[in-house]
Amino acid sequence: FAENTETTIGLAHKVHQWFSFLGEEFI
């Protein structure tokens, strides 16, 4: 959730990247 579409998409993309690659070892 964010105040506008651009910020919301950007943050969703960061979390998506975390699951796709960045958080792999922690998971």
mmCIF file of all heavy atoms, coordinates in Angstrom:
data_MODEL
# 
_entry.id   MODEL 
# 
loop_
_atom_site.group_PDB 
_atom_site.id 
_atom_site.type_symbol 
_atom_site.label_atom_id 
_atom_site.label_alt_id 
_atom_site.label_comp_id 
_atom_site.label_asym_id 
_atom_site.label_entity_id 
_atom_site.label_seq_id 
_atom_site.pdbx_PDB_ins_code 
_atom_site.Cartn_x 
_atom_site.Cartn_y 
_atom_site.Cartn_z 
_atom_site.occupancy 
_atom_site.B_iso_or_equiv 
_atom_site.pdbx_formal_charge 
_atom_site.auth_seq_id 
_atom_site.auth_comp_id 
_atom_site.auth_asym_id 
_atom_site.auth_atom_id 
_atom_site.pdbx_PDB_model_num 
ATOM 1   N N   . PHE A 1 1  ? 0.851  -1.185  0.000   1.00 0.00 ? 1  PHE A N   1 
ATOM 2   C CA  . PHE A 1 1  ? 0.000  0.000   0.000   1.00 0.00 ? 1  PHE A CA  1 
ATOM 3   C C   . PHE A 1 1  ? 0.892  1.242   0.000   1.00 0.00 ? 1  PHE A C   1 
ATOM 4   O O   . PHE A 1 1  ? 1.877  1.293   0.740   1.00 0.00 ? 1  PHE A O   1 
ATOM 5   C CB  . PHE A 1 1  ? -0.873 0.039   1.254   1.00 0.00 ? 1  PHE A CB  1 
ATOM 6   C CG  . PHE A 1 1  ? -1.817 -1.116  1.376   1.00 0.00 ? 1  PHE A CG  1 
ATOM 7   C CD1 . PHE A 1 1  ? -1.363 -2.375  1.761   1.00 0.00 ? 1  PHE A CD1 1 
ATOM 8   C CD2 . PHE A 1 1  ? -3.165 -0.948  1.114   1.00 0.00 ? 1  PHE A CD2 1 
ATOM 9   C CE1 . PHE A 1 1  ? -2.235 -3.444  1.888   1.00 0.00 ? 1  PHE A CE1 1 
ATOM 10  C CE2 . PHE A 1 1  ? -4.048 -2.023  1.229   1.00 0.00 ? 1  PHE A CE2 1 
ATOM 11  C CZ  . PHE A 1 1  ? -3.583 -3.266  1.618   1.00 0.00 ? 1  PHE A CZ  1 
ATOM 12  N N   . ALA A 1 2  ? 0.532  2.245   -0.808  1.00 0.00 ? 2  ALA A N   1 
ATOM 13  C CA  . ALA A 1 2  ? 1.256  3.518   -0.807  1.00 0.00 ? 2  ALA A CA  1 
ATOM 14  C C   . ALA A 1 2  ? 0.307  4.624   -1.267  1.00 0.00 ? 2  ALA A C   1 
ATOM 15  O O   . ALA A 1 2  ? -0.846 4.361   -1.613  1.00 0.00 ? 2  ALA A O   1 
ATOM 16  C CB  . ALA A 1 2  ? 2.498  3.438   -1.689  1.00 0.00 ? 2  ALA A CB  1 
ATOM 17  N N   . GLU A 1 3  ? 0.807  5.841   -1.283  1.00 0.00 ? 3  GLU A N   1 
ATOM 18  C CA  . GLU A 1 3  ? -0.010 7.023   -1.592  1.00 0.00 ? 3  GLU A CA  1 
ATOM 19  C C   . GLU A 1 3  ? -0.314 7.187   -3.084  1.00 0.00 ? 3  GLU A C   1 
ATOM 20  O O   . GLU A 1 3  ? -1.231 7.909   -3.442  1.00 0.00 ? 3  GLU A O   1 
ATOM 21  C CB  . GLU A 1 3  ? 0.688  8.291   -1.088  1.00 0.00 ? 3  GLU A CB  1 
ATOM 22  C CG  . GLU A 1 3  ? 0.833  8.344   0.430   1.00 0.00 ? 3  GLU A CG  1 
ATOM 23  C CD  . GLU A 1 3  ? -0.503 8.473   1.158   1.00 0.00 ? 3  GLU A CD  1 
ATOM 24  O OE1 . GLU A 1 3  ? -1.458 9.031   0.586   1.00 0.00 ? 3  GLU A OE1 1 
ATOM 25  O OE2 . GLU A 1 3  ? -0.580 7.999   2.305   1.00 0.00 ? 3  GLU A OE2 1 
ATOM 26  N N   . ASN A 1 4  ? 0.493  6.543   -3.944  1.00 0.00 ? 4  ASN A N   1 
ATOM 27  C CA  . ASN A 1 4  ? 0.254  6.679   -5.382  1.00 0.00 ? 4  ASN A CA  1 
ATOM 28  C C   . ASN A 1 4  ? 0.675  5.391   -6.088  1.00 0.00 ? 4  ASN A C   1 
ATOM 29  O O   . ASN A 1 4  ? 1.365  4.550   -5.510  1.00 0.00 ? 4  ASN A O   1 
ATOM 30  C CB  . ASN A 1 4  ? 0.969  7.901   -5.960  1.00 0.00 ? 4  ASN A CB  1 
ATOM 31  C CG  . ASN A 1 4  ? 2.464  7.840   -5.720  1.00 0.00 ? 4  ASN A CG  1 
ATOM 32  O OD1 . ASN A 1 4  ? 3.129  6.883   -6.111  1.00 0.00 ? 4  ASN A OD1 1 
ATOM 33  N ND2 . ASN A 1 4  ? 2.998  8.867   -5.060  1.00 0.00 ? 4  ASN A ND2 1 
ATOM 34  N N   . THR A 1 5  ? 0.266  5.272   -7.321  1.00 0.00 ? 5  THR A N   1 
ATOM 35  C CA  . THR A 1 5  ? 0.524  4.057   -8.096  1.00 0.00 ? 5  THR A CA  1 
ATOM 36  C C   . THR A 1 5  ? 2.015  3.791   -8.272  1.00 0.00 ? 5  THR A C   1 
ATOM 37  O O   . THR A 1 5  ? 2.473  2.659   -8.090  1.00 0.00 ? 5  THR A O   1 
ATOM 38  C CB  . THR A 1 5  ? -0.147 4.158   -9.484  1.00 0.00 ? 5  THR A CB  1 
ATOM 39  O OG1 . THR A 1 5  ? -1.548 4.305   -9.298  1.00 0.00 ? 5  THR A OG1 1 
ATOM 40  C CG2 . THR A 1 5  ? 0.107  2.922   -10.325 1.00 0.00 ? 5  THR A CG2 1 
ATOM 41  N N   . GLU A 1 6  ? 2.792  4.819   -8.597  1.00 0.00 ? 6  GLU A N   1 
ATOM 42  C CA  . GLU A 1 6  ? 4.220  4.637   -8.884  1.00 0.00 ? 6  GLU A CA  1 
ATOM 43  C C   . GLU A 1 6  ? 4.968  4.098   -7.666  1.00 0.00 ? 6  GLU A C   1 
ATOM 44  O O   . GLU A 1 6  ? 5.764  3.159   -7.774  1.00 0.00 ? 6  GLU A O   1 
ATOM 45  C CB  . GLU A 1 6  ? 4.849  5.959   -9.344  1.00 0.00 ? 6  GLU A CB  1 
ATOM 46  C CG  . GLU A 1 6  ? 4.355  6.450   -10.690 1.00 0.00 ? 6  GLU A CG  1 
ATOM 47  C CD  . GLU A 1 6  ? 2.978  7.124   -10.628 1.00 0.00 ? 6  GLU A CD  1 
ATOM 48  O OE1 . GLU A 1 6  ? 2.492  7.447   -9.511  1.00 0.00 ? 6  GLU A OE1 1 
ATOM 49  O OE2 . GLU A 1 6  ? 2.378  7.307   -11.697 1.00 0.00 ? 6  GLU A OE2 1 
ATOM 50  N N   . THR A 1 7  ? 4.732  4.681   -6.501  1.00 0.00 ? 7  THR A N   1 
ATOM 51  C CA  . THR A 1 7  ? 5.395  4.232   -5.271  1.00 0.00 ? 7  THR A CA  1 
ATOM 52  C C   . THR A 1 7  ? 4.967  2.815   -4.927  1.00 0.00 ? 7  THR A C   1 
ATOM 53  O O   . THR A 1 7  ? 5.789  1.984   -4.547  1.00 0.00 ? 7  THR A O   1 
ATOM 54  C CB  . THR A 1 7  ? 5.073  5.191   -4.095  1.00 0.00 ? 7  THR A CB  1 
ATOM 55  O OG1 . THR A 1 7  ? 5.463  6.518   -4.467  1.00 0.00 ? 7  THR A OG1 1 
ATOM 56  C CG2 . THR A 1 7  ? 5.798  4.778   -2.837  1.00 0.00 ? 7  THR A CG2 1 
ATOM 57  N N   . THR A 1 8  ? 3.689  2.526   -5.087  1.00 0.00 ? 8  THR A N   1 
ATOM 58  C CA  . THR A 1 8  ? 3.168  1.197   -4.769  1.00 0.00 ? 8  THR A CA  1 
ATOM 59  C C   . THR A 1 8  ? 3.805  0.137   -5.661  1.00 0.00 ? 8  THR A C   1 
ATOM 60  O O   . THR A 1 8  ? 4.271  -0.900  -5.176  1.00 0.00 ? 8  THR A O   1 
ATOM 61  C CB  . THR A 1 8  ? 1.637  1.166   -4.925  1.00 0.00 ? 8  THR A CB  1 
ATOM 62  O OG1 . THR A 1 8  ? 1.073  2.267   -4.213  1.00 0.00 ? 8  THR A OG1 1 
ATOM 63  C CG2 . THR A 1 8  ? 1.055  -0.115  -4.375  1.00 0.00 ? 8  THR A CG2 1 
ATOM 64  N N   . ILE A 1 9  ? 3.862  0.399   -6.952  1.00 0.00 ? 9  ILE A N   1 
ATOM 65  C CA  . ILE A 1 9  ? 4.480  -0.549  -7.885  1.00 0.00 ? 9  ILE A CA  1 
ATOM 66  C C   . ILE A 1 9  ? 5.960  -0.726  -7.560  1.00 0.00 ? 9  ILE A C   1 
ATOM 67  O O   . ILE A 1 9  ? 6.474  -1.853  -7.540  1.00 0.00 ? 9  ILE A O   1 
ATOM 68  C CB  . ILE A 1 9  ? 4.289  -0.093  -9.347  1.00 0.00 ? 9  ILE A CB  1 
ATOM 69  C CG1 . ILE A 1 9  ? 2.817  -0.197  -9.744  1.00 0.00 ? 9  ILE A CG1 1 
ATOM 70  C CG2 . ILE A 1 9  ? 5.156  -0.917  -10.301 1.00 0.00 ? 9  ILE A CG2 1 
ATOM 71  C CD1 . ILE A 1 9  ? 2.490  0.412   -11.097 1.00 0.00 ? 9  ILE A CD1 1 
ATOM 72  N N   . GLY A 1 10 ? 6.660  0.371   -7.289  1.00 0.00 ? 10 GLY A N   1 
ATOM 73  C CA  . GLY A 1 10 ? 8.085  0.303   -6.976  1.00 0.00 ? 10 GLY A CA  1 
ATOM 74  C C   . GLY A 1 10 ? 8.378  -0.537  -5.747  1.00 0.00 ? 10 GLY A C   1 
ATOM 75  O O   . GLY A 1 10 ? 9.287  -1.380  -5.746  1.00 0.00 ? 10 GLY A O   1 
ATOM 76  N N   . LEU A 1 11 ? 7.590  -0.350  -4.681  1.00 0.00 ? 11 LEU A N   1 
ATOM 77  C CA  . LEU A 1 11 ? 7.792  -1.128  -3.460  1.00 0.00 ? 11 LEU A CA  1 
ATOM 78  C C   . LEU A 1 11 ? 7.404  -2.590  -3.656  1.00 0.00 ? 11 LEU A C   1 
ATOM 79  O O   . LEU A 1 11 ? 8.079  -3.494  -3.158  1.00 0.00 ? 11 LEU A O   1 
ATOM 80  C CB  . LEU A 1 11 ? 7.018  -0.505  -2.298  1.00 0.00 ? 11 LEU A CB  1 
ATOM 81  C CG  . LEU A 1 11 ? 7.578  0.822   -1.787  1.00 0.00 ? 11 LEU A CG  1 
ATOM 82  C CD1 . LEU A 1 11 ? 6.609  1.474   -0.812  1.00 0.00 ? 11 LEU A CD1 1 
ATOM 83  C CD2 . LEU A 1 11 ? 8.942  0.623   -1.144  1.00 0.00 ? 11 LEU A CD2 1 
ATOM 84  N N   . ALA A 1 12 ? 6.325  -2.826  -4.393  1.00 0.00 ? 12 ALA A N   1 
ATOM 85  C CA  . ALA A 1 12 ? 5.919  -4.211  -4.679  1.00 0.00 ? 12 ALA A CA  1 
ATOM 86  C C   . ALA A 1 12 ? 7.021  -4.909  -5.467  1.00 0.00 ? 12 ALA A C   1 
ATOM 87  O O   . ALA A 1 12 ? 7.329  -6.086  -5.210  1.00 0.00 ? 12 ALA A O   1 
ATOM 88  C CB  . ALA A 1 12 ? 4.605  -4.237  -5.456  1.00 0.00 ? 12 ALA A CB  1 
ATOM 89  N N   . HIS A 1 13 ? 7.651  -4.190  -6.378  1.00 0.00 ? 13 HIS A N   1 
ATOM 90  C CA  . HIS A 1 13 ? 8.741  -4.768  -7.163  1.00 0.00 ? 13 HIS A CA  1 
ATOM 91  C C   . HIS A 1 13 ? 9.933  -5.114  -6.268  1.00 0.00 ? 13 HIS A C   1 
ATOM 92  O O   . HIS A 1 13 ? 10.566 -6.163  -6.441  1.00 0.00 ? 13 HIS A O   1 
ATOM 93  C CB  . HIS A 1 13 ? 9.155  -3.813  -8.285  1.00 0.00 ? 13 HIS A CB  1 
ATOM 94  C CG  . HIS A 1 13 ? 10.127 -4.408  -9.235  1.00 0.00 ? 13 HIS A CG  1 
ATOM 95  N ND1 . HIS A 1 13 ? 11.433 -3.996  -9.308  1.00 0.00 ? 13 HIS A ND1 1 
ATOM 96  C CD2 . HIS A 1 13 ? 9.994  -5.415  -10.146 1.00 0.00 ? 13 HIS A CD2 1 
ATOM 97  C CE1 . HIS A 1 13 ? 12.060 -4.717  -10.211 1.00 0.00 ? 13 HIS A CE1 1 
ATOM 98  N NE2 . HIS A 1 13 ? 11.214 -5.585  -10.737 1.00 0.00 ? 13 HIS A NE2 1 
ATOM 99  N N   . LYS A 1 14 ? 10.251 -4.260  -5.292  1.00 0.00 ? 14 LYS A N   1 
ATOM 100 C CA  . LYS A 1 14 ? 11.354 -4.549  -4.366  1.00 0.00 ? 14 LYS A CA  1 
ATOM 101 C C   . LYS A 1 14 ? 11.086 -5.814  -3.550  1.00 0.00 ? 14 LYS A C   1 
ATOM 102 O O   . LYS A 1 14 ? 11.964 -6.652  -3.370  1.00 0.00 ? 14 LYS A O   1 
ATOM 103 C CB  . LYS A 1 14 ? 11.586 -3.370  -3.412  1.00 0.00 ? 14 LYS A CB  1 
ATOM 104 C CG  . LYS A 1 14 ? 12.344 -2.227  -4.004  1.00 0.00 ? 14 LYS A CG  1 
ATOM 105 C CD  . LYS A 1 14 ? 12.616 -1.183  -2.940  1.00 0.00 ? 14 LYS A CD  1 
ATOM 106 C CE  . LYS A 1 14 ? 13.487 -0.075  -3.483  1.00 0.00 ? 14 LYS A CE  1 
ATOM 107 N NZ  . LYS A 1 14 ? 13.812 0.911   -2.457  1.00 0.00 ? 14 LYS A NZ  1 
ATOM 108 N N   . VAL A 1 15 ? 9.858  -5.961  -3.057  1.00 0.00 ? 15 VAL A N   1 
ATOM 109 C CA  . VAL A 1 15 ? 9.509  -7.152  -2.282  1.00 0.00 ? 15 VAL A CA  1 
ATOM 110 C C   . VAL A 1 15 ? 9.531  -8.386  -3.192  1.00 0.00 ? 15 VAL A C   1 
ATOM 111 O O   . VAL A 1 15 ? 10.016 -9.447  -2.806  1.00 0.00 ? 15 VAL A O   1 
ATOM 112 C CB  . VAL A 1 15 ? 8.133  -6.991  -1.570  1.00 0.00 ? 15 VAL A CB  1 
ATOM 113 C CG1 . VAL A 1 15 ? 7.746  -8.266  -0.841  1.00 0.00 ? 15 VAL A CG1 1 
ATOM 114 C CG2 . VAL A 1 15 ? 8.162  -5.813  -0.603  1.00 0.00 ? 15 VAL A CG2 1 
ATOM 115 N N   . HIS A 1 16 ? 9.054  -8.227  -4.412  1.00 0.00 ? 16 HIS A N   1 
ATOM 116 C CA  . HIS A 1 16 ? 9.075  -9.312  -5.399  1.00 0.00 ? 16 HIS A CA  1 
ATOM 117 C C   . HIS A 1 16 ? 10.517 -9.762  -5.668  1.00 0.00 ? 16 HIS A C   1 
ATOM 118 O O   . HIS A 1 16 ? 10.807 -10.962 -5.696  1.00 0.00 ? 16 HIS A O   1 
ATOM 119 C CB  . HIS A 1 16 ? 8.401  -8.831  -6.686  1.00 0.00 ? 16 HIS A CB  1 
ATOM 120 C CG  . HIS A 1 16 ? 8.078  -9.904  -7.658  1.00 0.00 ? 16 HIS A CG  1 
ATOM 121 N ND1 . HIS A 1 16 ? 8.985  -10.360 -8.597  1.00 0.00 ? 16 HIS A ND1 1 
ATOM 122 C CD2 . HIS A 1 16 ? 6.941  -10.626 -7.848  1.00 0.00 ? 16 HIS A CD2 1 
ATOM 123 C CE1 . HIS A 1 16 ? 8.420  -11.297 -9.328  1.00 0.00 ? 16 HIS A CE1 1 
ATOM 124 N NE2 . HIS A 1 16 ? 7.181  -11.484 -8.897  1.00 0.00 ? 16 HIS A NE2 1 
ATOM 125 N N   . GLN A 1 17 ? 11.426 -8.802  -5.829  1.00 0.00 ? 17 GLN A N   1 
ATOM 126 C CA  . GLN A 1 17 ? 12.842 -9.118  -6.043  1.00 0.00 ? 17 GLN A CA  1 
ATOM 127 C C   . GLN A 1 17 ? 13.424 -9.863  -4.853  1.00 0.00 ? 17 GLN A C   1 
ATOM 128 O O   . GLN A 1 17 ? 14.248 -10.761 -5.011  1.00 0.00 ? 17 GLN A O   1 
ATOM 129 C CB  . GLN A 1 17 ? 13.652 -7.839  -6.286  1.00 0.00 ? 17 GLN A CB  1 
ATOM 130 C CG  . GLN A 1 17 ? 13.427 -7.209  -7.630  1.00 0.00 ? 17 GLN A CG  1 
ATOM 131 C CD  . GLN A 1 17 ? 14.184 -5.901  -7.755  1.00 0.00 ? 17 GLN A CD  1 
ATOM 132 O OE1 . GLN A 1 17 ? 14.284 -5.130  -6.815  1.00 0.00 ? 17 GLN A OE1 1 
ATOM 133 N NE2 . GLN A 1 17 ? 14.720 -5.658  -8.946  1.00 0.00 ? 17 GLN A NE2 1 
ATOM 134 N N   . TRP A 1 18 ? 12.999 -9.473  -3.643  1.00 0.00 ? 18 TRP A N   1 
ATOM 135 C CA  . TRP A 1 18 ? 13.495 -10.132 -2.437  1.00 0.00 ? 18 TRP A CA  1 
ATOM 136 C C   . TRP A 1 18 ? 13.164 -11.623 -2.497  1.00 0.00 ? 18 TRP A C   1 
ATOM 137 O O   . TRP A 1 18 ? 13.994 -12.464 -2.195  1.00 0.00 ? 18 TRP A O   1 
ATOM 138 C CB  . TRP A 1 18 ? 12.895 -9.479  -1.189  1.00 0.00 ? 18 TRP A CB  1 
ATOM 139 C CG  . TRP A 1 18 ? 13.577 -9.894  0.064   1.00 0.00 ? 18 TRP A CG  1 
ATOM 140 C CD1 . TRP A 1 18 ? 14.653 -9.310  0.652   1.00 0.00 ? 18 TRP A CD1 1 
ATOM 141 C CD2 . TRP A 1 18 ? 13.233 -11.005 0.914   1.00 0.00 ? 18 TRP A CD2 1 
ATOM 142 N NE1 . TRP A 1 18 ? 15.014 -9.981  1.796   1.00 0.00 ? 18 TRP A NE1 1 
ATOM 143 C CE2 . TRP A 1 18 ? 14.159 -11.030 1.980   1.00 0.00 ? 18 TRP A CE2 1 
ATOM 144 C CE3 . TRP A 1 18 ? 12.250 -11.983 0.864   1.00 0.00 ? 18 TRP A CE3 1 
ATOM 145 C CZ2 . TRP A 1 18 ? 14.117 -11.985 2.984   1.00 0.00 ? 18 TRP A CZ2 1 
ATOM 146 C CZ3 . TRP A 1 18 ? 12.212 -12.934 1.864   1.00 0.00 ? 18 TRP A CZ3 1 
ATOM 147 C CH2 . TRP A 1 18 ? 13.138 -12.935 2.914   1.00 0.00 ? 18 TRP A CH2 1 
ATOM 148 N N   . PHE A 1 19 ? 11.940 -11.947 -2.894  1.00 0.00 ? 19 PHE A N   1 
ATOM 149 C CA  . PHE A 1 19 ? 11.539 -13.356 -2.991  1.00 0.00 ? 19 PHE A CA  1 
ATOM 150 C C   . PHE A 1 19 ? 12.171 -14.054 -4.193  1.00 0.00 ? 19 PHE A C   1 
ATOM 151 O O   . PHE A 1 19 ? 12.479 -15.238 -4.138  1.00 0.00 ? 19 PHE A O   1 
ATOM 152 C CB  . PHE A 1 19 ? 10.022 -13.500 -3.039  1.00 0.00 ? 19 PHE A CB  1 
ATOM 153 C CG  . PHE A 1 19 ? 9.383  -13.345 -1.706  1.00 0.00 ? 19 PHE A CG  1 
ATOM 154 C CD1 . PHE A 1 19 ? 8.680  -12.199 -1.387  1.00 0.00 ? 19 PHE A CD1 1 
ATOM 155 C CD2 . PHE A 1 19 ? 9.507  -14.340 -0.746  1.00 0.00 ? 19 PHE A CD2 1 
ATOM 156 C CE1 . PHE A 1 19 ? 8.105  -12.054 -0.139  1.00 0.00 ? 19 PHE A CE1 1 
ATOM 157 C CE2 . PHE A 1 19 ? 8.933  -14.198 0.504   1.00 0.00 ? 19 PHE A CE2 1 
ATOM 158 C CZ  . PHE A 1 19 ? 8.232  -13.045 0.804   1.00 0.00 ? 19 PHE A CZ  1 
ATOM 159 N N   . SER A 1 20 ? 12.361 -13.339 -5.275  1.00 0.00 ? 20 SER A N   1 
ATOM 160 C CA  . SER A 1 20 ? 12.911 -13.940 -6.486  1.00 0.00 ? 20 SER A CA  1 
ATOM 161 C C   . SER A 1 20 ? 14.400 -14.250 -6.371  1.00 0.00 ? 20 SER A C   1 
ATOM 162 O O   . SER A 1 20 ? 14.879 -15.189 -6.993  1.00 0.00 ? 20 SER A O   1 
ATOM 163 C CB  . SER A 1 20 ? 12.697 -13.013 -7.683  1.00 0.00 ? 20 SER A CB  1 
ATOM 164 O OG  . SER A 1 20 ? 11.325 -12.839 -7.912  1.00 0.00 ? 20 SER A OG  1 
ATOM 165 N N   . PHE A 1 21 ? 15.148 -13.447 -5.556  1.00 0.00 ? 21 PHE A N   1 
ATOM 166 C CA  . PHE A 1 21 ? 16.586 -13.648 -5.522  1.00 0.00 ? 21 PHE A CA  1 
ATOM 167 C C   . PHE A 1 21 ? 17.248 -13.215 -4.211  1.00 0.00 ? 21 PHE A C   1 
ATOM 168 O O   . PHE A 1 21 ? 17.982 -13.994 -3.597  1.00 0.00 ? 21 PHE A O   1 
ATOM 169 C CB  . PHE A 1 21 ? 17.227 -12.890 -6.701  1.00 0.00 ? 21 PHE A CB  1 
ATOM 170 C CG  . PHE A 1 21 ? 18.715 -13.019 -6.759  1.00 0.00 ? 21 PHE A CG  1 
ATOM 171 C CD1 . PHE A 1 21 ? 19.317 -14.230 -7.084  1.00 0.00 ? 21 PHE A CD1 1 
ATOM 172 C CD2 . PHE A 1 21 ? 19.524 -11.935 -6.482  1.00 0.00 ? 21 PHE A CD2 1 
ATOM 173 C CE1 . PHE A 1 21 ? 20.701 -14.343 -7.128  1.00 0.00 ? 21 PHE A CE1 1 
ATOM 174 C CE2 . PHE A 1 21 ? 20.903 -12.044 -6.525  1.00 0.00 ? 21 PHE A CE2 1 
ATOM 175 C CZ  . PHE A 1 21 ? 21.494 -13.254 -6.859  1.00 0.00 ? 21 PHE A CZ  1 
ATOM 176 N N   . LEU A 1 22 ? 17.005 -11.993 -3.775  1.00 0.00 ? 22 LEU A N   1 
ATOM 177 C CA  . LEU A 1 22 ? 17.766 -11.414 -2.658  1.00 0.00 ? 22 LEU A CA  1 
ATOM 178 C C   . LEU A 1 22 ? 17.595 -12.162 -1.340  1.00 0.00 ? 22 LEU A C   1 
ATOM 179 O O   . LEU A 1 22 ? 18.542 -12.277 -0.562  1.00 0.00 ? 22 LEU A O   1 
ATOM 180 C CB  . LEU A 1 22 ? 17.395 -9.935  -2.483  1.00 0.00 ? 22 LEU A CB  1 
ATOM 181 C CG  . LEU A 1 22 ? 17.670 -9.057  -3.709  1.00 0.00 ? 22 LEU A CG  1 
ATOM 182 C CD1 . LEU A 1 22 ? 17.106 -7.661  -3.508  1.00 0.00 ? 22 LEU A CD1 1 
ATOM 183 C CD2 . LEU A 1 22 ? 19.158 -9.004  -4.010  1.00 0.00 ? 22 LEU A CD2 1 
ATOM 184 N N   . GLY A 1 23 ? 16.413 -12.695 -1.061  1.00 0.00 ? 23 GLY A N   1 
ATOM 185 C CA  . GLY A 1 23 ? 16.158 -13.377 0.204   1.00 0.00 ? 23 GLY A CA  1 
ATOM 186 C C   . GLY A 1 23 ? 16.300 -14.880 0.151   1.00 0.00 ? 23 GLY A C   1 
ATOM 187 O O   . GLY A 1 23 ? 15.971 -15.577 1.115   1.00 0.00 ? 23 GLY A O   1 
ATOM 188 N N   . GLU A 1 24 ? 16.796 -15.388 -0.964  1.00 0.00 ? 24 GLU A N   1 
ATOM 189 C CA  . GLU A 1 24 ? 16.849 -16.833 -1.192  1.00 0.00 ? 24 GLU A CA  1 
ATOM 190 C C   . GLU A 1 24 ? 17.563 -17.599 -0.069  1.00 0.00 ? 24 GLU A C   1 
ATOM 191 O O   . GLU A 1 24 ? 17.061 -18.605 0.430   1.00 0.00 ? 24 GLU A O   1 
ATOM 192 C CB  . GLU A 1 24 ? 17.540 -17.109 -2.525  1.00 0.00 ? 24 GLU A CB  1 
ATOM 193 C CG  . GLU A 1 24 ? 17.587 -18.561 -2.918  1.00 0.00 ? 24 GLU A CG  1 
ATOM 194 C CD  . GLU A 1 24 ? 18.255 -18.767 -4.272  1.00 0.00 ? 24 GLU A CD  1 
ATOM 195 O OE1 . GLU A 1 24 ? 19.060 -17.908 -4.686  1.00 0.00 ? 24 GLU A OE1 1 
ATOM 196 O OE2 . GLU A 1 24 ? 17.957 -19.790 -4.891  1.00 0.00 ? 24 GLU A OE2 1 
ATOM 197 N N   . GLU A 1 25 ? 18.713 -17.116 0.356   1.00 0.00 ? 25 GLU A N   1 
ATOM 198 C CA  . GLU A 1 25 ? 19.477 -17.809 1.397   1.00 0.00 ? 25 GLU A CA  1 
ATOM 199 C C   . GLU A 1 25 ? 18.734 -17.778 2.733   1.00 0.00 ? 25 GLU A C   1 
ATOM 200 O O   . GLU A 1 25 ? 18.640 -18.790 3.432   1.00 0.00 ? 25 GLU A O   1 
ATOM 201 C CB  . GLU A 1 25 ? 20.857 -17.166 1.551   1.00 0.00 ? 25 GLU A CB  1 
ATOM 202 C CG  . GLU A 1 25 ? 21.780 -17.939 2.473   1.00 0.00 ? 25 GLU A CG  1 
ATOM 203 C CD  . GLU A 1 25 ? 23.175 -17.343 2.494   1.00 0.00 ? 25 GLU A CD  1 
ATOM 204 O OE1 . GLU A 1 25 ? 23.685 -16.975 1.419   1.00 0.00 ? 25 GLU A OE1 1 
ATOM 205 O OE2 . GLU A 1 25 ? 23.733 -17.241 3.595   1.00 0.00 ? 25 GLU A OE2 1 
ATOM 206 N N   . PHE A 1 26 ? 18.171 -16.616 3.084   1.00 0.00 ? 26 PHE A N   1 
ATOM 207 C CA  . PHE A 1 26 ? 17.427 -16.507 4.340   1.00 0.00 ? 26 PHE A CA  1 
ATOM 208 C C   . PHE A 1 26 ? 16.219 -17.438 4.334   1.00 0.00 ? 26 PHE A C   1 
ATOM 209 O O   . PHE A 1 26 ? 15.931 -18.101 5.338   1.00 0.00 ? 26 PHE A O   1 
ATOM 210 C CB  . PHE A 1 26 ? 16.981 -15.062 4.589   1.00 0.00 ? 26 PHE A CB  1 
ATOM 211 C CG  . PHE A 1 26 ? 16.295 -14.885 5.906   1.00 0.00 ? 26 PHE A CG  1 
ATOM 212 C CD1 . PHE A 1 26 ? 17.034 -14.709 7.059   1.00 0.00 ? 26 PHE A CD1 1 
ATOM 213 C CD2 . PHE A 1 26 ? 14.911 -14.939 6.008   1.00 0.00 ? 26 PHE A CD2 1 
ATOM 214 C CE1 . PHE A 1 26 ? 16.406 -14.568 8.294   1.00 0.00 ? 26 PHE A CE1 1 
ATOM 215 C CE2 . PHE A 1 26 ? 14.278 -14.804 7.225   1.00 0.00 ? 26 PHE A CE2 1 
ATOM 216 C CZ  . PHE A 1 26 ? 15.035 -14.619 8.376   1.00 0.00 ? 26 PHE A CZ  1 
ATOM 217 N N   . ILE A 1 27 ? 15.519 -17.511 3.218   1.00 0.00 ? 27 ILE A N   1 
ATOM 218 C CA  . ILE A 1 27 ? 14.347 -18.379 3.093   1.00 0.00 ? 27 ILE A CA  1 
ATOM 219 C C   . ILE A 1 27 ? 14.746 -19.839 3.311   1.00 0.00 ? 27 ILE A C   1 
ATOM 220 O O   . ILE A 1 27 ? 14.088 -20.579 4.035   1.00 0.00 ? 27 ILE A O   1 
ATOM 221 C CB  . ILE A 1 27 ? 13.677 -18.182 1.715   1.00 0.00 ? 27 ILE A CB  1 
ATOM 222 C CG1 . ILE A 1 27 ? 13.080 -16.779 1.628   1.00 0.00 ? 27 ILE A CG1 1 
ATOM 223 C CG2 . ILE A 1 27 ? 12.613 -19.244 1.459   1.00 0.00 ? 27 ILE A CG2 1 
ATOM 224 C CD1 . ILE A 1 27 ? 12.717 -16.342 0.217   1.00 0.00 ? 27 ILE A CD1 1 
# 
